[in-house]
Amino acid sequence: MRRPVWRRLRWLGPLVLFCAVLVTPARAQEEQPEVQFQEPGITYKAVEKPYIQWVAGLAIVLAVFVVAFKNPHRTHLD
């Protein structure tokens, strides 16, 4: 009677794990000095205080909490 496939190949798992441990990640590229992005027509003073983004984000978070804690006026125990 032949042994099942998983019994014949049970050495394959530890071998793959051993090879995966030996692999080291390669660097994609050398680090370059950080260059600040410049968009023509936009001054950084205008972007310095992002009130609109914070207000919109806060409104979304509050909406999520309102929906999450809303009483559905019914139970699922019927």
PDB file of N, CA and C in Angstrom:
ATOM      1  N   MET A   1       0.844  -1.183   0.000  1.00  0.00           N
ATOM      2  CA  MET A   1       0.000   0.000   0.000  1.00  0.00           C
ATOM      3  C   MET A   1       0.885   1.240   0.000  1.00  0.00           C
ATOM      4  N   ARG A   2       0.547   2.176  -0.869  1.00  0.00           N
ATOM      5  CA  ARG A   2       1.357   3.389  -0.979  1.00  0.00           C
ATOM      6  C   ARG A   2       1.015   4.367   0.126  1.00  0.00           C
ATOM      7  N   ARG A   3       2.020   5.123   0.535  1.00  0.00           N
ATOM      8  CA  ARG A   3       1.788   6.148   1.541  1.00  0.00           C
ATOM      9  C   ARG A   3       1.116   7.357   0.903  1.00  0.00           C
ATOM     10  N   PRO A   4       0.327   8.114   1.652  1.00  0.00           N
ATOM     11  CA  PRO A   4      -0.300   9.330   1.094  1.00  0.00           C
ATOM     12  C   PRO A   4       0.758  10.344   0.679  1.00  0.00           C
ATOM     13  N   VAL A   5       0.349  11.236  -0.216  1.00  0.00           N
ATOM     14  CA  VAL A   5       1.287  12.223  -0.761  1.00  0.00           C
ATOM     15  C   VAL A   5       1.834  13.117   0.342  1.00  0.00           C
ATOM     16  N   TRP A   6       0.987  13.527   1.266  1.00  0.00           N
ATOM     17  CA  TRP A   6       1.459  14.444   2.311  1.00  0.00           C
ATOM     18  C   TRP A   6       2.487  13.777   3.210  1.00  0.00           C
ATOM     19  N   ARG A   7       2.434  12.446   3.327  1.00  0.00           N
ATOM     20  CA  ARG A   7       3.441  11.757   4.126  1.00  0.00           C
ATOM     21  C   ARG A   7       4.760  11.640   3.370  1.00  0.00           C
ATOM     22  N   ARG A   8       4.673  11.478   2.059  1.00  0.00           N
ATOM     23  CA  ARG A   8       5.884  11.363   1.266  1.00  0.00           C
ATOM     24  C   ARG A   8       6.605  12.708   1.150  1.00  0.00           C
ATOM     25  N   LEU A   9       5.850  13.804   1.185  1.00  0.00           N
ATOM     26  CA  LEU A   9       6.451  15.125   0.998  1.00  0.00           C
ATOM     27  C   LEU A   9       6.497  15.937   2.289  1.00  0.00           C
ATOM     28  N   ARG A  10       6.480  15.292   3.443  1.00  0.00           N
ATOM     29  CA  ARG A  10       6.468  16.048   4.695  1.00  0.00           C
ATOM     30  C   ARG A  10       7.796  16.753   4.966  1.00  0.00           C
ATOM     31  N   TRP A  11       8.844  16.398   4.274  1.00  0.00           N
ATOM     32  CA  TRP A  11      10.128  17.086   4.400  1.00  0.00           C
ATOM     33  C   TRP A  11      10.129  18.404   3.646  1.00  0.00           C
ATOM     34  N   LEU A  12       9.158  18.603   2.723  1.00  0.00           N
ATOM     35  CA  LEU A  12       9.134  19.792   1.887  1.00  0.00           C
ATOM     36  C   LEU A  12       8.814  21.053   2.701  1.00  0.00           C
ATOM     37  N   GLY A  13       7.938  20.953   3.686  1.00  0.00           N
ATOM     38  CA  GLY A  13       7.571  22.107   4.509  1.00  0.00           C
ATOM     39  C   GLY A  13       8.764  22.694   5.265  1.00  0.00           C
ATOM     40  N   PRO A  14       9.481  21.877   6.040  1.00  0.00           N
ATOM     41  CA  PRO A  14      10.662  22.408   6.725  1.00  0.00           C
ATOM     42  C   PRO A  14      11.735  22.940   5.777  1.00  0.00           C
ATOM     43  N   LEU A  15      11.870  22.318   4.603  1.00  0.00           N
ATOM     44  CA  LEU A  15      12.853  22.796   3.635  1.00  0.00           C
ATOM     45  C   LEU A  15      12.490  24.182   3.111  1.00  0.00           C
ATOM     46  N   VAL A  16      11.216  24.376   2.786  1.00  0.00           N
ATOM     47  CA  VAL A  16      10.773  25.690   2.313  1.00  0.00           C
ATOM     48  C   VAL A  16      10.931  26.733   3.406  1.00  0.00           C
ATOM     49  N   LEU A  17      10.574  26.390   4.641  1.00  0.00           N
ATOM     50  CA  LEU A  17      10.740  27.313   5.766  1.00  0.00           C
ATOM     51  C   LEU A  17      12.209  27.662   5.978  1.00  0.00           C
ATOM     52  N   PHE A  18      13.093  26.675   5.878  1.00  0.00           N
ATOM     53  CA  PHE A  18      14.521  26.923   6.040  1.00  0.00           C
ATOM     54  C   PHE A  18      15.051  27.866   4.951  1.00  0.00           C
ATOM     55  N   CYS A  19      14.618  27.641   3.703  1.00  0.00           N
ATOM     56  CA  CYS A  19      15.054  28.517   2.610  1.00  0.00           C
ATOM     57  C   CYS A  19      14.492  29.930   2.769  1.00  0.00           C
ATOM     58  N   ALA A  20      13.278  30.050   3.270  1.00  0.00           N
ATOM     59  CA  ALA A  20      12.678  31.370   3.464  1.00  0.00           C
ATOM     60  C   ALA A  20      13.413  32.155   4.550  1.00  0.00           C
ATOM     61  N   VAL A  21      13.924  31.471   5.548  1.00  0.00           N
ATOM     62  CA  VAL A  21      14.678  32.149   6.607  1.00  0.00           C
ATOM     63  C   VAL A  21      16.015  32.658   6.076  1.00  0.00           C
ATOM     64  N   LEU A  22      16.604  31.950   5.143  1.00  0.00           N
ATOM     65  CA  LEU A  22      17.906  32.339   4.610  1.00  0.00           C
ATOM     66  C   LEU A  22      17.837  33.514   3.629  1.00  0.00           C
ATOM     67  N   VAL A  23      16.676  33.764   3.081  1.00  0.00           N
ATOM     68  CA  VAL A  23      16.533  34.833   2.094  1.00  0.00           C
ATOM     69  C   VAL A  23      16.557  36.171   2.814  1.00  0.00           C
ATOM     70  N   THR A  24      17.358  37.093   2.319  1.00  0.00           N
ATOM     71  CA  THR A  24      17.402  38.431   2.901  1.00  0.00           C
ATOM     72  C   THR A  24      16.821  39.426   1.912  1.00  0.00           C
ATOM     73  N   PRO A  25      16.127  40.435   2.402  1.00  0.00           N
ATOM     74  CA  PRO A  25      15.550  41.417   1.484  1.00  0.00           C
ATOM     75  C   PRO A  25      16.639  42.251   0.822  1.00  0.00           C
ATOM     76  N   ALA A  26      16.446  42.564  -0.427  1.00  0.00           N
ATOM     77  CA  ALA A  26      17.413  43.367  -1.172  1.00  0.00           C
ATOM     78  C   ALA A  26      16.949  44.819  -1.188  1.00  0.00           C
ATOM     79  N   ARG A  27      17.892  45.718  -1.188  1.00  0.00           N
ATOM     80  CA  ARG A  27      17.549  47.142  -1.266  1.00  0.00           C
ATOM     81  C   ARG A  27      17.155  47.476  -2.696  1.00  0.00           C
ATOM     82  N   ALA A  28      16.078  48.214  -2.825  1.00  0.00           N
ATOM     83  CA  ALA A  28      15.587  48.548  -4.151  1.00  0.00           C
ATOM     84  C   ALA A  28      16.457  49.617  -4.807  1.00  0.00           C
ATOM     85  N   GLN A  29      16.857  50.603  -4.029  1.00  0.00           N
ATOM     86  CA  GLN A  29      17.682  51.669  -4.577  1.00  0.00           C
ATOM     87  C   GLN A  29      18.400  52.367  -3.432  1.00  0.00           C
ATOM     88  N   GLU A  30      19.392  53.102  -3.769  1.00  0.00           N
ATOM     89  CA  GLU A  30      20.110  53.868  -2.757  1.00  0.00           C
ATOM     90  C   GLU A  30      19.240  55.013  -2.263  1.00  0.00           C
ATOM     91  N   GLU A  31      19.397  55.360  -1.015  1.00  0.00           N
ATOM     92  CA  GLU A  31      18.619  56.470  -0.466  1.00  0.00           C
ATOM     93  C   GLU A  31      19.075  57.782  -1.082  1.00  0.00           C
ATOM     94  N   GLN A  32      18.090  58.582  -1.446  1.00  0.00           N
ATOM     95  CA  GLN A  32      18.385  59.876  -2.025  1.00  0.00           C
ATOM     96  C   GLN A  32      18.022  60.958  -1.020  1.00  0.00           C
ATOM     97  N   PRO A  33      18.667  62.104  -1.098  1.00  0.00           N
ATOM     98  CA  PRO A  33      18.307  63.176  -0.183  1.00  0.00           C
ATOM     99  C   PRO A  33      16.859  63.599  -0.409  1.00  0.00           C
ATOM    100  N   GLU A  34      16.187  63.931   0.685  1.00  0.00           N
ATOM    101  CA  GLU A  34      14.778  64.294   0.599  1.00  0.00           C
ATOM    102  C   GLU A  34      14.619  65.646  -0.085  1.00  0.00           C
ATOM    103  N   VAL A  35      13.812  65.662  -1.128  1.00  0.00           N
ATOM    104  CA  VAL A  35      13.556  66.886  -1.874  1.00  0.00           C
ATOM    105  C   VAL A  35      12.115  67.288  -1.608  1.00  0.00           C
ATOM    106  N   GLN A  36      11.922  68.530  -1.203  1.00  0.00           N
ATOM    107  CA  GLN A  36      10.569  68.996  -0.919  1.00  0.00           C
ATOM    108  C   GLN A  36       9.821  69.207  -2.234  1.00  0.00           C
ATOM    109  N   PHE A  37       8.615  68.683  -2.310  1.00  0.00           N
ATOM    110  CA  PHE A  37       7.828  68.779  -3.528  1.00  0.00           C
ATOM    111  C   PHE A  37       7.367  70.217  -3.726  1.00  0.00           C
ATOM    112  N   GLN A  38       7.523  70.715  -4.923  1.00  0.00           N
ATOM    113  CA  GLN A  38       7.107  72.081  -5.256  1.00  0.00           C
ATOM    114  C   GLN A  38       6.014  72.033  -6.314  1.00  0.00           C
ATOM    115  N   GLU A  39       4.854  72.540  -5.983  1.00  0.00           N
ATOM    116  CA  GLU A  39       3.747  72.625  -6.933  1.00  0.00           C
ATOM    117  C   GLU A  39       3.602  74.085  -7.335  1.00  0.00           C
ATOM    118  N   PRO A  40       3.659  74.391  -8.620  1.00  0.00           N
ATOM    119  CA  PRO A  40       3.545  75.786  -9.027  1.00  0.00           C
ATOM    120  C   PRO A  40       2.158  76.344  -8.709  1.00  0.00           C
ATOM    121  N   GLY A  41       2.132  77.534  -8.178  1.00  0.00           N
ATOM    122  CA  GLY A  41       0.878  78.203  -7.873  1.00  0.00           C
ATOM    123  C   GLY A  41       0.348  77.949  -6.477  1.00  0.00           C
ATOM    124  N   ILE A  42       0.970  77.065  -5.699  1.00  0.00           N
ATOM    125  CA  ILE A  42       0.527  76.795  -4.334  1.00  0.00           C
ATOM    126  C   ILE A  42       1.652  77.187  -3.391  1.00  0.00           C
ATOM    127  N   THR A  43       1.341  78.081  -2.480  1.00  0.00           N
ATOM    128  CA  THR A  43       2.341  78.455  -1.482  1.00  0.00           C
ATOM    129  C   THR A  43       2.183  77.541  -0.274  1.00  0.00           C
ATOM    130  N   TYR A  44       3.269  77.322   0.415  1.00  0.00           N
ATOM    131  CA  TYR A  44       3.215  76.430   1.565  1.00  0.00           C
ATOM    132  C   TYR A  44       2.536  77.084   2.759  1.00  0.00           C
ATOM    133  N   LYS A  45       2.429  78.405   2.784  1.00  0.00           N
ATOM    134  CA  LYS A  45       1.702  79.052   3.869  1.00  0.00           C
ATOM    135  C   LYS A  45       0.222  78.717   3.791  1.00  0.00           C
ATOM    136  N   ALA A  46      -0.315  78.548   2.591  1.00  0.00           N
ATOM    137  CA  ALA A  46      -1.730  78.214   2.445  1.00  0.00           C
ATOM    138  C   ALA A  46      -1.999  76.786   2.905  1.00  0.00           C
ATOM    139  N   VAL A  47      -1.017  75.913   2.806  1.00  0.00           N
ATOM    140  CA  VAL A  47      -1.191  74.519   3.166  1.00  0.00           C
ATOM    141  C   VAL A  47      -0.762  74.264   4.604  1.00  0.00           C
ATOM    142  N   GLU A  48      -0.184  75.257   5.248  1.00  0.00           N
ATOM    143  CA  GLU A  48       0.373  75.087   6.577  1.00  0.00           C
ATOM    144  C   GLU A  48      -0.689  74.758   7.626  1.00  0.00           C
ATOM    145  N   LYS A  49      -1.906  75.286   7.488  1.00  0.00           N
ATOM    146  CA  LYS A  49      -2.962  75.061   8.474  1.00  0.00           C
ATOM    147  C   LYS A  49      -4.156  74.389   7.788  1.00  0.00           C
ATOM    148  N   PRO A  50      -4.179  73.085   7.766  1.00  0.00           N
ATOM    149  CA  PRO A  50      -5.223  72.360   7.020  1.00  0.00           C
ATOM    150  C   PRO A  50      -6.514  72.195   7.825  1.00  0.00           C
ATOM    151  N   TYR A  51      -7.225  73.293   8.064  1.00  0.00           N
ATOM    152  CA  TYR A  51      -8.459  73.223   8.850  1.00  0.00           C
ATOM    153  C   TYR A  51      -9.551  72.444   8.124  1.00  0.00           C
ATOM    154  N   ILE A  52      -9.663  72.641   6.830  1.00  0.00           N
ATOM    155  CA  ILE A  52     -10.744  71.996   6.087  1.00  0.00           C
ATOM    156  C   ILE A  52     -10.590  70.473   6.134  1.00  0.00           C
ATOM    157  N   GLN A  53      -9.383  69.972   5.979  1.00  0.00           N
ATOM    158  CA  GLN A  53      -9.159  68.531   6.004  1.00  0.00           C
ATOM    159  C   GLN A  53      -9.474  67.955   7.386  1.00  0.00           C
ATOM    160  N   TRP A  54      -9.085  68.688   8.448  1.00  0.00           N
ATOM    161  CA  TRP A  54      -9.347  68.205   9.807  1.00  0.00           C
ATOM    162  C   TRP A  54     -10.835  68.227  10.120  1.00  0.00           C
ATOM    163  N   VAL A  55     -11.542  69.260   9.674  1.00  0.00           N
ATOM    164  CA  VAL A  55     -12.982  69.332   9.925  1.00  0.00           C
ATOM    165  C   VAL A  55     -13.695  68.224   9.155  1.00  0.00           C
ATOM    166  N   ALA A  56     -13.313  67.986   7.910  1.00  0.00           N
ATOM    167  CA  ALA A  56     -13.931  66.919   7.127  1.00  0.00           C
ATOM    168  C   ALA A  56     -13.635  65.547   7.744  1.00  0.00           C
ATOM    169  N   GLY A  57     -12.431  65.337   8.186  1.00  0.00           N
ATOM    170  CA  GLY A  57     -12.082  64.067   8.825  1.00  0.00           C
ATOM    171  C   GLY A  57     -12.844  63.848  10.117  1.00  0.00           C
ATOM    172  N   LEU A  58     -12.981  64.903  10.919  1.00  0.00           N
ATOM    173  CA  LEU A  58     -13.731  64.807  12.165  1.00  0.00           C
ATOM    174  C   LEU A  58     -15.203  64.519  11.888  1.00  0.00           C
ATOM    175  N   ALA A  59     -15.763  65.141  10.846  1.00  0.00           N
ATOM    176  CA  ALA A  59     -17.161  64.897  10.490  1.00  0.00           C
ATOM    177  C   ALA A  59     -17.366  63.441  10.068  1.00  0.00           C
ATOM    178  N   ILE A  60     -16.433  62.882   9.319  1.00  0.00           N
ATOM    179  CA  ILE A  60     -16.546  61.482   8.901  1.00  0.00           C
ATOM    180  C   ILE A  60     -16.459  60.547  10.101  1.00  0.00           C
ATOM    181  N   VAL A  61     -15.531  60.824  11.015  1.00  0.00           N
ATOM    182  CA  VAL A  61     -15.387  59.988  12.213  1.00  0.00           C
ATOM    183  C   VAL A  61     -16.647  60.061  13.062  1.00  0.00           C
ATOM    184  N   LEU A  62     -17.205  61.249  13.250  1.00  0.00           N
ATOM    185  CA  LEU A  62     -18.432  61.399  14.033  1.00  0.00           C
ATOM    186  C   LEU A  62     -19.599  60.680  13.362  1.00  0.00           C
ATOM    187  N   ALA A  63     -19.692  60.755  12.042  1.00  0.00           N
ATOM    188  CA  ALA A  63     -20.760  60.049  11.329  1.00  0.00           C
ATOM    189  C   ALA A  63     -20.634  58.540  11.517  1.00  0.00           C
ATOM    190  N   VAL A  64     -19.423  58.038  11.491  1.00  0.00           N
ATOM    191  CA  VAL A  64     -19.212  56.603  11.693  1.00  0.00           C
ATOM    192  C   VAL A  64     -19.641  56.194  13.097  1.00  0.00           C
ATOM    193  N   PHE A  65     -19.303  57.004  14.110  1.00  0.00           N
ATOM    194  CA  PHE A  65     -19.704  56.694  15.477  1.00  0.00           C
ATOM    195  C   PHE A  65     -21.219  56.771  15.654  1.00  0.00           C
ATOM    196  N   VAL A  66     -21.861  57.729  15.019  1.00  0.00           N
ATOM    197  CA  VAL A  66     -23.321  57.836  15.116  1.00  0.00           C
ATOM    198  C   VAL A  66     -23.975  56.601  14.520  1.00  0.00           C
ATOM    199  N   VAL A  67     -23.509  56.167  13.368  1.00  0.00           N
ATOM    200  CA  VAL A  67     -24.084  54.975  12.745  1.00  0.00           C
ATOM    201  C   VAL A  67     -23.769  53.729  13.564  1.00  0.00           C
ATOM    202  N   ALA A  68     -22.572  53.655  14.134  1.00  0.00           N
ATOM    203  CA  ALA A  68     -22.168  52.465  14.886  1.00  0.00           C
ATOM    204  C   ALA A  68     -22.981  52.305  16.170  1.00  0.00           C
ATOM    205  N   PHE A  69     -23.300  53.389  16.845  1.00  0.00           N
ATOM    206  CA  PHE A  69     -23.998  53.312  18.116  1.00  0.00           C
ATOM    207  C   PHE A  69     -25.493  53.609  18.003  1.00  0.00           C
ATOM    208  N   LYS A  70     -26.012  53.664  16.784  1.00  0.00           N
ATOM    209  CA  LYS A  70     -27.429  53.943  16.568  1.00  0.00           C
ATOM    210  C   LYS A  70     -28.259  52.770  17.070  1.00  0.00           C
ATOM    211  N   ASN A  71     -29.373  53.098  17.742  1.00  0.00           N
ATOM    212  CA  ASN A  71     -30.270  52.063  18.217  1.00  0.00           C
ATOM    213  C   ASN A  71     -31.141  51.617  17.047  1.00  0.00           C
ATOM    214  N   PRO A  72     -31.101  50.351  16.674  1.00  0.00           N
ATOM    215  CA  PRO A  72     -31.859  49.909  15.501  1.00  0.00           C
ATOM    216  C   PRO A  72     -33.357  49.744  15.777  1.00  0.00           C
ATOM    217  N   HIS A  73     -33.815  49.924  17.026  1.00  0.00           N
ATOM    218  CA  HIS A  73     -35.221  49.809  17.422  1.00  0.00           C
ATOM    219  C   HIS A  73     -35.780  48.420  17.180  1.00  0.00           C
ATOM    220  N   ARG A  74     -34.938  47.457  17.067  1.00  0.00           N
ATOM    221  CA  ARG A  74     -35.377  46.074  16.940  1.00  0.00           C
ATOM    222  C   ARG A  74     -34.224  45.188  17.378  1.00  0.00           C
ATOM    223  N   THR A  75     -34.556  43.978  17.709  1.00  0.00           N
ATOM    224  CA  THR A  75     -33.507  43.049  18.104  1.00  0.00           C
ATOM    225  C   THR A  75     -33.424  41.926  17.074  1.00  0.00           C
ATOM    226  N   HIS A  76     -32.324  41.238  17.090  1.00  0.00           N
ATOM    227  CA  HIS A  76     -32.147  40.119  16.186  1.00  0.00           C
ATOM    228  C   HIS A  76     -32.384  38.803  16.929  1.00  0.00           C
ATOM    229  N   LEU A  77     -33.112  38.895  18.047  1.00  0.00           N
ATOM    230  CA  LEU A  77     -33.371  37.711  18.841  1.00  0.00           C
ATOM    231  C   LEU A  77     -34.730  37.110  18.507  1.00  0.00           C
ATOM    232  N   ASP A  78     -35.392  37.582  17.462  1.00  0.00           N
ATOM    233  CA  ASP A  78     -36.730  37.103  17.099  1.00  0.00           C
ATOM    234  C   ASP A  78     -36.695  35.632  16.760  1.00  0.00           C
TER     235      ASP A  78
END
